[in-house]
Amino acid sequence: MTDRKKNPRVYLQDILDAIAKVETYASEGEHDFFKDGKTQDAVIRQISIVGEAAAKLPAALRAQHREIPWRQIIGMRNIVVHDYSETDLPMVWKVAERDLPALKKAIEKIVKTAED
């Protein structure tokens, strides 16, 4: 059994899994995202998972990959969780469409490097 508290690969995979779900949920496009509250909720939930998993990564791993904006990723989680009534949907869409694909590539690179 994997000890989630000590294995960063588990958290990296959680990030990739959450991004994959956002890709699926947002696949119908911006118009559908803004008219469907369930899709909005699903995307927001997965963004919170990305941030939570990023926060649980060891500080040393985050320091090795300073090209990734960890503070902003974790901060976005805090915004969507704690300021849920004031969630900025255009910002959520931007994160889903622009930021998460770039993060996915960076995380995949970390995972691949760790496997080599």
PDB file of N, CA and C in Angstrom:
ATOM      1  N   MET A   1       0.846  -1.182   0.000  1.00  0.00           N
ATOM      2  CA  MET A   1       0.000   0.000   0.000  1.00  0.00           C
ATOM      3  C   MET A   1       0.894   1.249   0.000  1.00  0.00           C
ATOM      4  N   THR A   2       0.565   2.213  -0.796  1.00  0.00           N
ATOM      5  CA  THR A   2       1.344   3.438  -0.906  1.00  0.00           C
ATOM      6  C   THR A   2       1.003   4.384   0.239  1.00  0.00           C
ATOM      7  N   ASP A   3       2.050   4.909   0.864  1.00  0.00           N
ATOM      8  CA  ASP A   3       1.837   5.915   1.905  1.00  0.00           C
ATOM      9  C   ASP A   3       1.729   7.270   1.224  1.00  0.00           C
ATOM     10  N   ARG A   4       0.513   7.761   1.066  1.00  0.00           N
ATOM     11  CA  ARG A   4       0.261   9.009   0.335  1.00  0.00           C
ATOM     12  C   ARG A   4       1.023  10.189   0.926  1.00  0.00           C
ATOM     13  N   LYS A   5       1.282  10.143   2.209  1.00  0.00           N
ATOM     14  CA  LYS A   5       1.934  11.276   2.854  1.00  0.00           C
ATOM     15  C   LYS A   5       3.409  11.386   2.490  1.00  0.00           C
ATOM     16  N   LYS A   6       3.983  10.327   1.951  1.00  0.00           N
ATOM     17  CA  LYS A   6       5.413  10.342   1.693  1.00  0.00           C
ATOM     18  C   LYS A   6       5.770  10.165   0.225  1.00  0.00           C
ATOM     19  N   ASN A   7       4.842   9.865  -0.618  1.00  0.00           N
ATOM     20  CA  ASN A   7       5.164   9.574  -2.008  1.00  0.00           C
ATOM     21  C   ASN A   7       4.682  10.689  -2.925  1.00  0.00           C
ATOM     22  N   PRO A   8       5.602  11.538  -3.389  1.00  0.00           N
ATOM     23  CA  PRO A   8       5.186  12.646  -4.247  1.00  0.00           C
ATOM     24  C   PRO A   8       4.586  12.194  -5.574  1.00  0.00           C
ATOM     25  N   ARG A   9       4.936  10.999  -6.033  1.00  0.00           N
ATOM     26  CA  ARG A   9       4.372  10.516  -7.303  1.00  0.00           C
ATOM     27  C   ARG A   9       2.848  10.398  -7.228  1.00  0.00           C
ATOM     28  N   VAL A  10       2.352  10.064  -6.063  1.00  0.00           N
ATOM     29  CA  VAL A  10       0.900   9.957  -5.883  1.00  0.00           C
ATOM     30  C   VAL A  10       0.258  11.326  -6.091  1.00  0.00           C
ATOM     31  N   TYR A  11       0.860  12.357  -5.522  1.00  0.00           N
ATOM     32  CA  TYR A  11       0.310  13.709  -5.665  1.00  0.00           C
ATOM     33  C   TYR A  11       0.458  14.225  -7.091  1.00  0.00           C
ATOM     34  N   LEU A  12       1.579  13.893  -7.731  1.00  0.00           N
ATOM     35  CA  LEU A  12       1.751  14.281  -9.136  1.00  0.00           C
ATOM     36  C   LEU A  12       0.676  13.620  -9.997  1.00  0.00           C
ATOM     37  N   GLN A  13       0.387  12.352  -9.717  1.00  0.00           N
ATOM     38  CA  GLN A  13      -0.656  11.659 -10.474  1.00  0.00           C
ATOM     39  C   GLN A  13      -2.032  12.245 -10.173  1.00  0.00           C
ATOM     40  N   ASP A  14      -2.267  12.637  -8.933  1.00  0.00           N
ATOM     41  CA  ASP A  14      -3.535  13.295  -8.596  1.00  0.00           C
ATOM     42  C   ASP A  14      -3.713  14.564  -9.431  1.00  0.00           C
ATOM     43  N   ILE A  15      -2.625  15.315  -9.601  1.00  0.00           N
ATOM     44  CA  ILE A  15      -2.681  16.533 -10.415  1.00  0.00           C
ATOM     45  C   ILE A  15      -3.022  16.181 -11.853  1.00  0.00           C
ATOM     46  N   LEU A  16      -2.340  15.186 -12.405  1.00  0.00           N
ATOM     47  CA  LEU A  16      -2.610  14.791 -13.795  1.00  0.00           C
ATOM     48  C   LEU A  16      -4.039  14.275 -13.962  1.00  0.00           C
ATOM     49  N   ASP A  17      -4.519  13.502 -13.004  1.00  0.00           N
ATOM     50  CA  ASP A  17      -5.891  12.983 -13.081  1.00  0.00           C
ATOM     51  C   ASP A  17      -6.914  14.120 -13.040  1.00  0.00           C
ATOM     52  N   ALA A  18      -6.688  15.091 -12.176  1.00  0.00           N
ATOM     53  CA  ALA A  18      -7.613  16.225 -12.077  1.00  0.00           C
ATOM     54  C   ALA A  18      -7.606  17.048 -13.364  1.00  0.00           C
ATOM     55  N   ILE A  19      -6.430  17.252 -13.932  1.00  0.00           N
ATOM     56  CA  ILE A  19      -6.347  17.997 -15.191  1.00  0.00           C
ATOM     57  C   ILE A  19      -7.078  17.250 -16.298  1.00  0.00           C
ATOM     58  N   ALA A  20      -6.932  15.931 -16.348  1.00  0.00           N
ATOM     59  CA  ALA A  20      -7.636  15.138 -17.362  1.00  0.00           C
ATOM     60  C   ALA A  20      -9.148  15.295 -17.222  1.00  0.00           C
ATOM     61  N   LYS A  21      -9.629  15.330 -16.004  1.00  0.00           N
ATOM     62  CA  LYS A  21     -11.066  15.527 -15.793  1.00  0.00           C
ATOM     63  C   LYS A  21     -11.503  16.910 -16.265  1.00  0.00           C
ATOM     64  N   VAL A  22     -10.699  17.932 -15.967  1.00  0.00           N
ATOM     65  CA  VAL A  22     -11.033  19.283 -16.439  1.00  0.00           C
ATOM     66  C   VAL A  22     -11.076  19.305 -17.959  1.00  0.00           C
ATOM     67  N   GLU A  23     -10.124  18.646 -18.597  1.00  0.00           N
ATOM     68  CA  GLU A  23     -10.121  18.595 -20.066  1.00  0.00           C
ATOM     69  C   GLU A  23     -11.424  17.997 -20.586  1.00  0.00           C
ATOM     70  N   THR A  24     -11.896  16.952 -19.933  1.00  0.00           N
ATOM     71  CA  THR A  24     -13.158  16.326 -20.334  1.00  0.00           C
ATOM     72  C   THR A  24     -14.336  17.257 -20.074  1.00  0.00           C
ATOM     73  N   TYR A  25     -14.389  17.821 -18.883  1.00  0.00           N
ATOM     74  CA  TYR A  25     -15.512  18.685 -18.517  1.00  0.00           C
ATOM     75  C   TYR A  25     -15.588  19.935 -19.387  1.00  0.00           C
ATOM     76  N   ALA A  26     -14.445  20.460 -19.769  1.00  0.00           N
ATOM     77  CA  ALA A  26     -14.406  21.711 -20.536  1.00  0.00           C
ATOM     78  C   ALA A  26     -14.385  21.479 -22.042  1.00  0.00           C
ATOM     79  N   SER A  27     -14.481  20.237 -22.455  1.00  0.00           N
ATOM     80  CA  SER A  27     -14.329  19.915 -23.881  1.00  0.00           C
ATOM     81  C   SER A  27     -15.436  20.483 -24.766  1.00  0.00           C
ATOM     82  N   GLU A  28     -16.564  20.817 -24.183  1.00  0.00           N
ATOM     83  CA  GLU A  28     -17.667  21.374 -24.973  1.00  0.00           C
ATOM     84  C   GLU A  28     -17.479  22.853 -25.280  1.00  0.00           C
ATOM     85  N   GLY A  29     -16.474  23.461 -24.670  1.00  0.00           N
ATOM     86  CA  GLY A  29     -16.155  24.843 -25.003  1.00  0.00           C
ATOM     87  C   GLY A  29     -16.634  25.861 -23.986  1.00  0.00           C
ATOM     88  N   GLU A  30     -16.204  27.070 -24.237  1.00  0.00           N
ATOM     89  CA  GLU A  30     -16.445  28.182 -23.317  1.00  0.00           C
ATOM     90  C   GLU A  30     -17.931  28.488 -23.135  1.00  0.00           C
ATOM     91  N   HIS A  31     -18.672  28.502 -24.225  1.00  0.00           N
ATOM     92  CA  HIS A  31     -20.101  28.826 -24.143  1.00  0.00           C
ATOM     93  C   HIS A  31     -20.819  27.851 -23.209  1.00  0.00           C
ATOM     94  N   ASP A  32     -20.579  26.561 -23.405  1.00  0.00           N
ATOM     95  CA  ASP A  32     -21.231  25.561 -22.562  1.00  0.00           C
ATOM     96  C   ASP A  32     -20.766  25.649 -21.114  1.00  0.00           C
ATOM     97  N   PHE A  33     -19.490  25.951 -20.917  1.00  0.00           N
ATOM     98  CA  PHE A  33     -18.981  26.097 -19.554  1.00  0.00           C
ATOM     99  C   PHE A  33     -19.753  27.175 -18.804  1.00  0.00           C
ATOM    100  N   PHE A  34     -19.949  28.328 -19.442  1.00  0.00           N
ATOM    101  CA  PHE A  34     -20.588  29.447 -18.754  1.00  0.00           C
ATOM    102  C   PHE A  34     -22.089  29.264 -18.553  1.00  0.00           C
ATOM    103  N   LYS A  35     -22.715  28.376 -19.303  1.00  0.00           N
ATOM    104  CA  LYS A  35     -24.156  28.189 -19.113  1.00  0.00           C
ATOM    105  C   LYS A  35     -24.500  26.973 -18.248  1.00  0.00           C
ATOM    106  N   ASP A  36     -23.503  26.170 -17.882  1.00  0.00           N
ATOM    107  CA  ASP A  36     -23.764  24.936 -17.143  1.00  0.00           C
ATOM    108  C   ASP A  36     -23.110  24.961 -15.760  1.00  0.00           C
ATOM    109  N   GLY A  37     -23.934  25.169 -14.751  1.00  0.00           N
ATOM    110  CA  GLY A  37     -23.438  25.225 -13.380  1.00  0.00           C
ATOM    111  C   GLY A  37     -22.767  23.943 -12.917  1.00  0.00           C
ATOM    112  N   LYS A  38     -23.253  22.795 -13.397  1.00  0.00           N
ATOM    113  CA  LYS A  38     -22.634  21.527 -12.999  1.00  0.00           C
ATOM    114  C   LYS A  38     -21.211  21.428 -13.537  1.00  0.00           C
ATOM    115  N   THR A  39     -21.021  21.854 -14.763  1.00  0.00           N
ATOM    116  CA  THR A  39     -19.674  21.841 -15.335  1.00  0.00           C
ATOM    117  C   THR A  39     -18.773  22.804 -14.579  1.00  0.00           C
ATOM    118  N   GLN A  40     -19.288  23.970 -14.260  1.00  0.00           N
ATOM    119  CA  GLN A  40     -18.508  24.940 -13.477  1.00  0.00           C
ATOM    120  C   GLN A  40     -18.082  24.326 -12.147  1.00  0.00           C
ATOM    121  N   ASP A  41     -19.031  23.713 -11.452  1.00  0.00           N
ATOM    122  CA  ASP A  41     -18.724  23.096 -10.161  1.00  0.00           C
ATOM    123  C   ASP A  41     -17.683  21.988 -10.306  1.00  0.00           C
ATOM    124  N   ALA A  42     -17.816  21.182 -11.353  1.00  0.00           N
ATOM    125  CA  ALA A  42     -16.877  20.081 -11.571  1.00  0.00           C
ATOM    126  C   ALA A  42     -15.467  20.600 -11.849  1.00  0.00           C
ATOM    127  N   VAL A  43     -15.366  21.624 -12.671  1.00  0.00           N
ATOM    128  CA  VAL A  43     -14.056  22.201 -12.988  1.00  0.00           C
ATOM    129  C   VAL A  43     -13.447  22.833 -11.738  1.00  0.00           C
ATOM    130  N   ILE A  44     -14.242  23.571 -11.000  1.00  0.00           N
ATOM    131  CA  ILE A  44     -13.750  24.204  -9.772  1.00  0.00           C
ATOM    132  C   ILE A  44     -13.260  23.144  -8.786  1.00  0.00           C
ATOM    133  N   ARG A  45     -13.990  22.060  -8.653  1.00  0.00           N
ATOM    134  CA  ARG A  45     -13.576  20.971  -7.749  1.00  0.00           C
ATOM    135  C   ARG A  45     -12.224  20.412  -8.164  1.00  0.00           C
ATOM    136  N   GLN A  46     -12.029  20.184  -9.447  1.00  0.00           N
ATOM    137  CA  GLN A  46     -10.759  19.613  -9.907  1.00  0.00           C
ATOM    138  C   GLN A  46      -9.608  20.603  -9.745  1.00  0.00           C
ATOM    139  N   ILE A  47      -9.873  21.878  -9.937  1.00  0.00           N
ATOM    140  CA  ILE A  47      -8.838  22.891  -9.696  1.00  0.00           C
ATOM    141  C   ILE A  47      -8.442  22.880  -8.220  1.00  0.00           C
ATOM    142  N   SER A  48      -9.410  22.680  -7.348  1.00  0.00           N
ATOM    143  CA  SER A  48      -9.079  22.616  -5.918  1.00  0.00           C
ATOM    144  C   SER A  48      -8.220  21.389  -5.619  1.00  0.00           C
ATOM    145  N   ILE A  49      -8.471  20.281  -6.301  1.00  0.00           N
ATOM    146  CA  ILE A  49      -7.661  19.075  -6.119  1.00  0.00           C
ATOM    147  C   ILE A  49      -6.236  19.318  -6.603  1.00  0.00           C
ATOM    148  N   VAL A  50      -6.090  19.988  -7.734  1.00  0.00           N
ATOM    149  CA  VAL A  50      -4.751  20.320  -8.239  1.00  0.00           C
ATOM    150  C   VAL A  50      -3.986  21.116  -7.184  1.00  0.00           C
ATOM    151  N   GLY A  51      -4.622  22.127  -6.635  1.00  0.00           N
ATOM    152  CA  GLY A  51      -3.964  22.961  -5.634  1.00  0.00           C
ATOM    153  C   GLY A  51      -3.642  22.220  -4.355  1.00  0.00           C
ATOM    154  N   GLU A  52      -4.551  21.377  -3.922  1.00  0.00           N
ATOM    155  CA  GLU A  52      -4.322  20.604  -2.696  1.00  0.00           C
ATOM    156  C   GLU A  52      -3.175  19.624  -2.888  1.00  0.00           C
ATOM    157  N   ALA A  53      -3.153  18.939  -4.022  1.00  0.00           N
ATOM    158  CA  ALA A  53      -2.064  17.997  -4.300  1.00  0.00           C
ATOM    159  C   ALA A  53      -0.730  18.732  -4.410  1.00  0.00           C
ATOM    160  N   ALA A  54      -0.736  19.889  -5.040  1.00  0.00           N
ATOM    161  CA  ALA A  54       0.494  20.685  -5.154  1.00  0.00           C
ATOM    162  C   ALA A  54       1.000  21.094  -3.777  1.00  0.00           C
ATOM    163  N   ALA A  55       0.090  21.456  -2.895  1.00  0.00           N
ATOM    164  CA  ALA A  55       0.475  21.865  -1.543  1.00  0.00           C
ATOM    165  C   ALA A  55       1.095  20.715  -0.754  1.00  0.00           C
ATOM    166  N   LYS A  56       0.711  19.491  -1.076  1.00  0.00           N
ATOM    167  CA  LYS A  56       1.218  18.330  -0.349  1.00  0.00           C
ATOM    168  C   LYS A  56       2.541  17.811  -0.903  1.00  0.00           C
ATOM    169  N   LEU A  57       2.958  18.328  -2.053  1.00  0.00           N
ATOM    170  CA  LEU A  57       4.262  17.928  -2.589  1.00  0.00           C
ATOM    171  C   LEU A  57       5.365  18.428  -1.664  1.00  0.00           C
ATOM    172  N   PRO A  58       6.436  17.669  -1.532  1.00  0.00           N
ATOM    173  CA  PRO A  58       7.539  18.128  -0.687  1.00  0.00           C
ATOM    174  C   PRO A  58       8.110  19.460  -1.182  1.00  0.00           C
ATOM    175  N   ALA A  59       8.471  20.302  -0.245  1.00  0.00           N
ATOM    176  CA  ALA A  59       9.047  21.609  -0.596  1.00  0.00           C
ATOM    177  C   ALA A  59      10.285  21.442  -1.467  1.00  0.00           C
ATOM    178  N   ALA A  60      11.056  20.399  -1.225  1.00  0.00           N
ATOM    179  CA  ALA A  60      12.269  20.167  -2.016  1.00  0.00           C
ATOM    180  C   ALA A  60      11.930  19.918  -3.486  1.00  0.00           C
ATOM    181  N   LEU A  61      10.877  19.166  -3.746  1.00  0.00           N
ATOM    182  CA  LEU A  61      10.470  18.914  -5.132  1.00  0.00           C
ATOM    183  C   LEU A  61      10.006  20.210  -5.783  1.00  0.00           C
ATOM    184  N   ARG A  62       9.214  20.982  -5.062  1.00  0.00           N
ATOM    185  CA  ARG A  62       8.757  22.261  -5.618  1.00  0.00           C
ATOM    186  C   ARG A  62       9.940  23.186  -5.885  1.00  0.00           C
ATOM    187  N   ALA A  63      10.931  23.165  -5.010  1.00  0.00           N
ATOM    188  CA  ALA A  63      12.115  24.015  -5.196  1.00  0.00           C
ATOM    189  C   ALA A  63      12.929  23.587  -6.413  1.00  0.00           C
ATOM    190  N   GLN A  64      12.920  22.303  -6.723  1.00  0.00           N
ATOM    191  CA  GLN A  64      13.638  21.802  -7.900  1.00  0.00           C
ATOM    192  C   GLN A  64      12.955  22.223  -9.197  1.00  0.00           C
ATOM    193  N   HIS A  65      11.711  22.598  -9.117  1.00  0.00           N
ATOM    194  CA  HIS A  65      10.927  22.930 -10.314  1.00  0.00           C
ATOM    195  C   HIS A  65      10.311  24.313 -10.144  1.00  0.00           C
ATOM    196  N   ARG A  66      11.173  25.283 -10.021  1.00  0.00           N
ATOM    197  CA  ARG A  66      10.739  26.668  -9.819  1.00  0.00           C
ATOM    198  C   ARG A  66      10.044  27.262 -11.044  1.00  0.00           C
ATOM    199  N   GLU A  67      10.165  26.594 -12.178  1.00  0.00           N
ATOM    200  CA  GLU A  67       9.486  27.075 -13.380  1.00  0.00           C
ATOM    201  C   GLU A  67       7.968  26.925 -13.272  1.00  0.00           C
ATOM    202  N   ILE A  68       7.531  26.124 -12.331  1.00  0.00           N
ATOM    203  CA  ILE A  68       6.097  25.921 -12.101  1.00  0.00           C
ATOM    204  C   ILE A  68       5.649  26.906 -11.018  1.00  0.00           C
ATOM    205  N   PRO A  69       4.583  27.645 -11.271  1.00  0.00           N
ATOM    206  CA  PRO A  69       4.125  28.652 -10.293  1.00  0.00           C
ATOM    207  C   PRO A  69       3.335  28.019  -9.141  1.00  0.00           C
ATOM    208  N   TRP A  70       4.044  27.297  -8.289  1.00  0.00           N
ATOM    209  CA  TRP A  70       3.396  26.551  -7.206  1.00  0.00           C
ATOM    210  C   TRP A  70       2.542  27.444  -6.316  1.00  0.00           C
ATOM    211  N   ARG A  71       3.064  28.605  -5.976  1.00  0.00           N
ATOM    212  CA  ARG A  71       2.330  29.495  -5.068  1.00  0.00           C
ATOM    213  C   ARG A  71       0.975  29.882  -5.671  1.00  0.00           C
ATOM    214  N   GLN A  72       0.965  30.183  -6.971  1.00  0.00           N
ATOM    215  CA  GLN A  72      -0.288  30.561  -7.627  1.00  0.00           C
ATOM    216  C   GLN A  72      -1.243  29.370  -7.722  1.00  0.00           C
ATOM    217  N   ILE A  73      -0.692  28.195  -7.958  1.00  0.00           N
ATOM    218  CA  ILE A  73      -1.521  26.987  -8.050  1.00  0.00           C
ATOM    219  C   ILE A  73      -2.204  26.719  -6.707  1.00  0.00           C
ATOM    220  N   ILE A  74      -1.428  26.774  -5.661  1.00  0.00           N
ATOM    221  CA  ILE A  74      -1.978  26.560  -4.315  1.00  0.00           C
ATOM    222  C   ILE A  74      -2.936  27.694  -3.950  1.00  0.00           C
ATOM    223  N   GLY A  75      -2.581  28.900  -4.338  1.00  0.00           N
ATOM    224  CA  GLY A  75      -3.437  30.058  -4.075  1.00  0.00           C
ATOM    225  C   GLY A  75      -4.779  29.963  -4.774  1.00  0.00           C
ATOM    226  N   MET A  76      -4.779  29.440  -5.992  1.00  0.00           N
ATOM    227  CA  MET A  76      -6.039  29.284  -6.726  1.00  0.00           C
ATOM    228  C   MET A  76      -6.952  28.309  -5.988  1.00  0.00           C
ATOM    229  N   ARG A  77      -6.383  27.266  -5.443  1.00  0.00           N
ATOM    230  CA  ARG A  77      -7.167  26.314  -4.655  1.00  0.00           C
ATOM    231  C   ARG A  77      -7.813  27.031  -3.480  1.00  0.00           C
ATOM    232  N   ASN A  78      -7.038  27.859  -2.809  1.00  0.00           N
ATOM    233  CA  ASN A  78      -7.575  28.583  -1.657  1.00  0.00           C
ATOM    234  C   ASN A  78      -8.696  29.530  -2.062  1.00  0.00           C
ATOM    235  N   ILE A  79      -8.557  30.155  -3.207  1.00  0.00           N
ATOM    236  CA  ILE A  79      -9.597  31.065  -3.692  1.00  0.00           C
ATOM    237  C   ILE A  79     -10.888  30.310  -3.973  1.00  0.00           C
ATOM    238  N   VAL A  80     -10.812  29.210  -4.729  1.00  0.00           N
ATOM    239  CA  VAL A  80     -12.047  28.509  -5.100  1.00  0.00           C
ATOM    240  C   VAL A  80     -12.680  27.780  -3.922  1.00  0.00           C
ATOM    241  N   VAL A  81     -11.885  27.424  -2.920  1.00  0.00           N
ATOM    242  CA  VAL A  81     -12.445  26.743  -1.753  1.00  0.00           C
ATOM    243  C   VAL A  81     -12.997  27.737  -0.736  1.00  0.00           C
ATOM    244  N   HIS A  82     -12.233  28.772  -0.431  1.00  0.00           N
ATOM    245  CA  HIS A  82     -12.623  29.680   0.648  1.00  0.00           C
ATOM    246  C   HIS A  82     -13.475  30.860   0.192  1.00  0.00           C
ATOM    247  N   ASP A  83     -13.325  31.262  -1.045  1.00  0.00           N
ATOM    248  CA  ASP A  83     -14.113  32.379  -1.574  1.00  0.00           C
ATOM    249  C   ASP A  83     -15.116  31.883  -2.613  1.00  0.00           C
ATOM    250  N   TYR A  84     -15.695  30.716  -2.350  1.00  0.00           N
ATOM    251  CA  TYR A  84     -16.562  30.056  -3.319  1.00  0.00           C
ATOM    252  C   TYR A  84     -17.718  30.927  -3.792  1.00  0.00           C
ATOM    253  N   SER A  85     -18.232  31.791  -2.936  1.00  0.00           N
ATOM    254  CA  SER A  85     -19.380  32.612  -3.341  1.00  0.00           C
ATOM    255  C   SER A  85     -18.969  33.743  -4.272  1.00  0.00           C
ATOM    256  N   GLU A  86     -17.690  34.018  -4.330  1.00  0.00           N
ATOM    257  CA  GLU A  86     -17.174  35.099  -5.172  1.00  0.00           C
ATOM    258  C   GLU A  86     -16.317  34.563  -6.315  1.00  0.00           C
ATOM    259  N   THR A  87     -16.474  33.295  -6.662  1.00  0.00           N
ATOM    260  CA  THR A  87     -15.629  32.684  -7.685  1.00  0.00           C
ATOM    261  C   THR A  87     -15.752  33.432  -9.001  1.00  0.00           C
ATOM    262  N   ASP A  88     -14.613  33.770  -9.557  1.00  0.00           N
ATOM    263  CA  ASP A  88     -14.509  34.496 -10.821  1.00  0.00           C
ATOM    264  C   ASP A  88     -14.500  33.466 -11.953  1.00  0.00           C
ATOM    265  N   LEU A  89     -15.661  33.215 -12.553  1.00  0.00           N
ATOM    266  CA  LEU A  89     -15.764  32.177 -13.578  1.00  0.00           C
ATOM    267  C   LEU A  89     -14.888  32.437 -14.797  1.00  0.00           C
ATOM    268  N   PRO A  90     -14.757  33.677 -15.285  1.00  0.00           N
ATOM    269  CA  PRO A  90     -13.821  33.886 -16.396  1.00  0.00           C
ATOM    270  C   PRO A  90     -12.384  33.494 -16.024  1.00  0.00           C
ATOM    271  N   MET A  91     -11.998  33.726 -14.781  1.00  0.00           N
ATOM    272  CA  MET A  91     -10.664  33.323 -14.339  1.00  0.00           C
ATOM    273  C   MET A  91     -10.564  31.798 -14.296  1.00  0.00           C
ATOM    274  N   VAL A  92     -11.602  31.130 -13.820  1.00  0.00           N
ATOM    275  CA  VAL A  92     -11.614  29.668 -13.781  1.00  0.00           C
ATOM    276  C   VAL A  92     -11.480  29.117 -15.197  1.00  0.00           C
ATOM    277  N   TRP A  93     -12.209  29.698 -16.141  1.00  0.00           N
ATOM    278  CA  TRP A  93     -12.117  29.247 -17.531  1.00  0.00           C
ATOM    279  C   TRP A  93     -10.697  29.443 -18.065  1.00  0.00           C
ATOM    280  N   LYS A  94     -10.100  30.574 -17.767  1.00  0.00           N
ATOM    281  CA  LYS A  94      -8.733  30.853 -18.223  1.00  0.00           C
ATOM    282  C   LYS A  94      -7.763  29.820 -17.653  1.00  0.00           C
ATOM    283  N   VAL A  95      -7.920  29.500 -16.392  1.00  0.00           N
ATOM    284  CA  VAL A  95      -7.068  28.484 -15.770  1.00  0.00           C
ATOM    285  C   VAL A  95      -7.252  27.149 -16.485  1.00  0.00           C
ATOM    286  N   ALA A  96      -8.503  26.775 -16.734  1.00  0.00           N
ATOM    287  CA  ALA A  96      -8.791  25.497 -17.385  1.00  0.00           C
ATOM    288  C   ALA A  96      -8.223  25.431 -18.800  1.00  0.00           C
ATOM    289  N   GLU A  97      -8.347  26.498 -19.537  1.00  0.00           N
ATOM    290  CA  GLU A  97      -7.951  26.499 -20.945  1.00  0.00           C
ATOM    291  C   GLU A  97      -6.484  26.838 -21.180  1.00  0.00           C
ATOM    292  N   ARG A  98      -5.911  27.675 -20.354  1.00  0.00           N
ATOM    293  CA  ARG A  98      -4.548  28.135 -20.604  1.00  0.00           C
ATOM    294  C   ARG A  98      -3.536  27.559 -19.617  1.00  0.00           C
ATOM    295  N   ASP A  99      -3.848  27.644 -18.351  1.00  0.00           N
ATOM    296  CA  ASP A  99      -2.854  27.293 -17.340  1.00  0.00           C
ATOM    297  C   ASP A  99      -2.714  25.789 -17.115  1.00  0.00           C
ATOM    298  N   LEU A 100      -3.821  25.076 -17.076  1.00  0.00           N
ATOM    299  CA  LEU A 100      -3.734  23.642 -16.799  1.00  0.00           C
ATOM    300  C   LEU A 100      -3.019  22.853 -17.894  1.00  0.00           C
ATOM    301  N   PRO A 101      -3.216  23.156 -19.185  1.00  0.00           N
ATOM    302  CA  PRO A 101      -2.440  22.421 -20.195  1.00  0.00           C
ATOM    303  C   PRO A 101      -0.926  22.599 -20.030  1.00  0.00           C
ATOM    304  N   ALA A 102      -0.499  23.797 -19.692  1.00  0.00           N
ATOM    305  CA  ALA A 102       0.933  24.035 -19.462  1.00  0.00           C
ATOM    306  C   ALA A 102       1.409  23.282 -18.218  1.00  0.00           C
ATOM    307  N   LEU A 103       0.592  23.282 -17.178  1.00  0.00           N
ATOM    308  CA  LEU A 103       0.941  22.545 -15.964  1.00  0.00           C
ATOM    309  C   LEU A 103       1.018  21.050 -16.253  1.00  0.00           C
ATOM    310  N   LYS A 104       0.094  20.550 -17.042  1.00  0.00           N
ATOM    311  CA  LYS A 104       0.095  19.129 -17.401  1.00  0.00           C
ATOM    312  C   LYS A 104       1.425  18.742 -18.038  1.00  0.00           C
ATOM    313  N   LYS A 105       1.890  19.529 -18.990  1.00  0.00           N
ATOM    314  CA  LYS A 105       3.168  19.232 -19.650  1.00  0.00           C
ATOM    315  C   LYS A 105       4.313  19.233 -18.648  1.00  0.00           C
ATOM    316  N   ALA A 106       4.320  20.206 -17.758  1.00  0.00           N
ATOM    317  CA  ALA A 106       5.395  20.300 -16.768  1.00  0.00           C
ATOM    318  C   ALA A 106       5.374  19.114 -15.803  1.00  0.00           C
ATOM    319  N   ILE A 107       4.194  18.716 -15.365  1.00  0.00           N
ATOM    320  CA  ILE A 107       4.079  17.589 -14.431  1.00  0.00           C
ATOM    321  C   ILE A 107       4.453  16.292 -15.133  1.00  0.00           C
ATOM    322  N   GLU A 108       4.016  16.123 -16.370  1.00  0.00           N
ATOM    323  CA  GLU A 108       4.397  14.922 -17.126  1.00  0.00           C
ATOM    324  C   GLU A 108       5.913  14.829 -17.266  1.00  0.00           C
ATOM    325  N   LYS A 109       6.558  15.952 -17.464  1.00  0.00           N
ATOM    326  CA  LYS A 109       8.022  15.982 -17.574  1.00  0.00           C
ATOM    327  C   LYS A 109       8.666  15.556 -16.253  1.00  0.00           C
ATOM    328  N   ILE A 110       8.142  16.039 -15.140  1.00  0.00           N
ATOM    329  CA  ILE A 110       8.673  15.644 -13.827  1.00  0.00           C
ATOM    330  C   ILE A 110       8.514  14.142 -13.628  1.00  0.00           C
ATOM    331  N   VAL A 111       7.335  13.618 -13.950  1.00  0.00           N
ATOM    332  CA  VAL A 111       7.068  12.185 -13.777  1.00  0.00           C
ATOM    333  C   VAL A 111       8.003  11.367 -14.658  1.00  0.00           C
ATOM    334  N   LYS A 112       8.158  11.779 -15.914  1.00  0.00           N
ATOM    335  CA  LYS A 112       9.030  11.053 -16.844  1.00  0.00           C
ATOM    336  C   LYS A 112      10.467  11.069 -16.352  1.00  0.00           C
ATOM    337  N   THR A 113      10.935  12.205 -15.886  1.00  0.00           N
ATOM    338  CA  THR A 113      12.301  12.318 -15.369  1.00  0.00           C
ATOM    339  C   THR A 113      12.489  11.413 -14.155  1.00  0.00           C
ATOM    340  N   ALA A 114      11.492  11.334 -13.311  1.00  0.00           N
ATOM    341  CA  ALA A 114      11.575  10.490 -12.114  1.00  0.00           C
ATOM    342  C   ALA A 114      11.611   9.011 -12.478  1.00  0.00           C
ATOM    343  N   GLU A 115      10.975   8.655 -13.596  1.00  0.00           N
ATOM    344  CA  GLU A 115      10.934   7.256 -14.022  1.00  0.00           C
ATOM    345  C   GLU A 115      12.221   6.825 -14.700  1.00  0.00           C
ATOM    346  N   ASP A 116      12.944   7.770 -15.290  1.00  0.00           N
ATOM    347  CA  ASP A 116      14.188   7.438 -16.015  1.00  0.00           C
ATOM    348  C   ASP A 116      15.317   7.061 -15.081  1.00  0.00           C
TER     349      ASP A 116
END
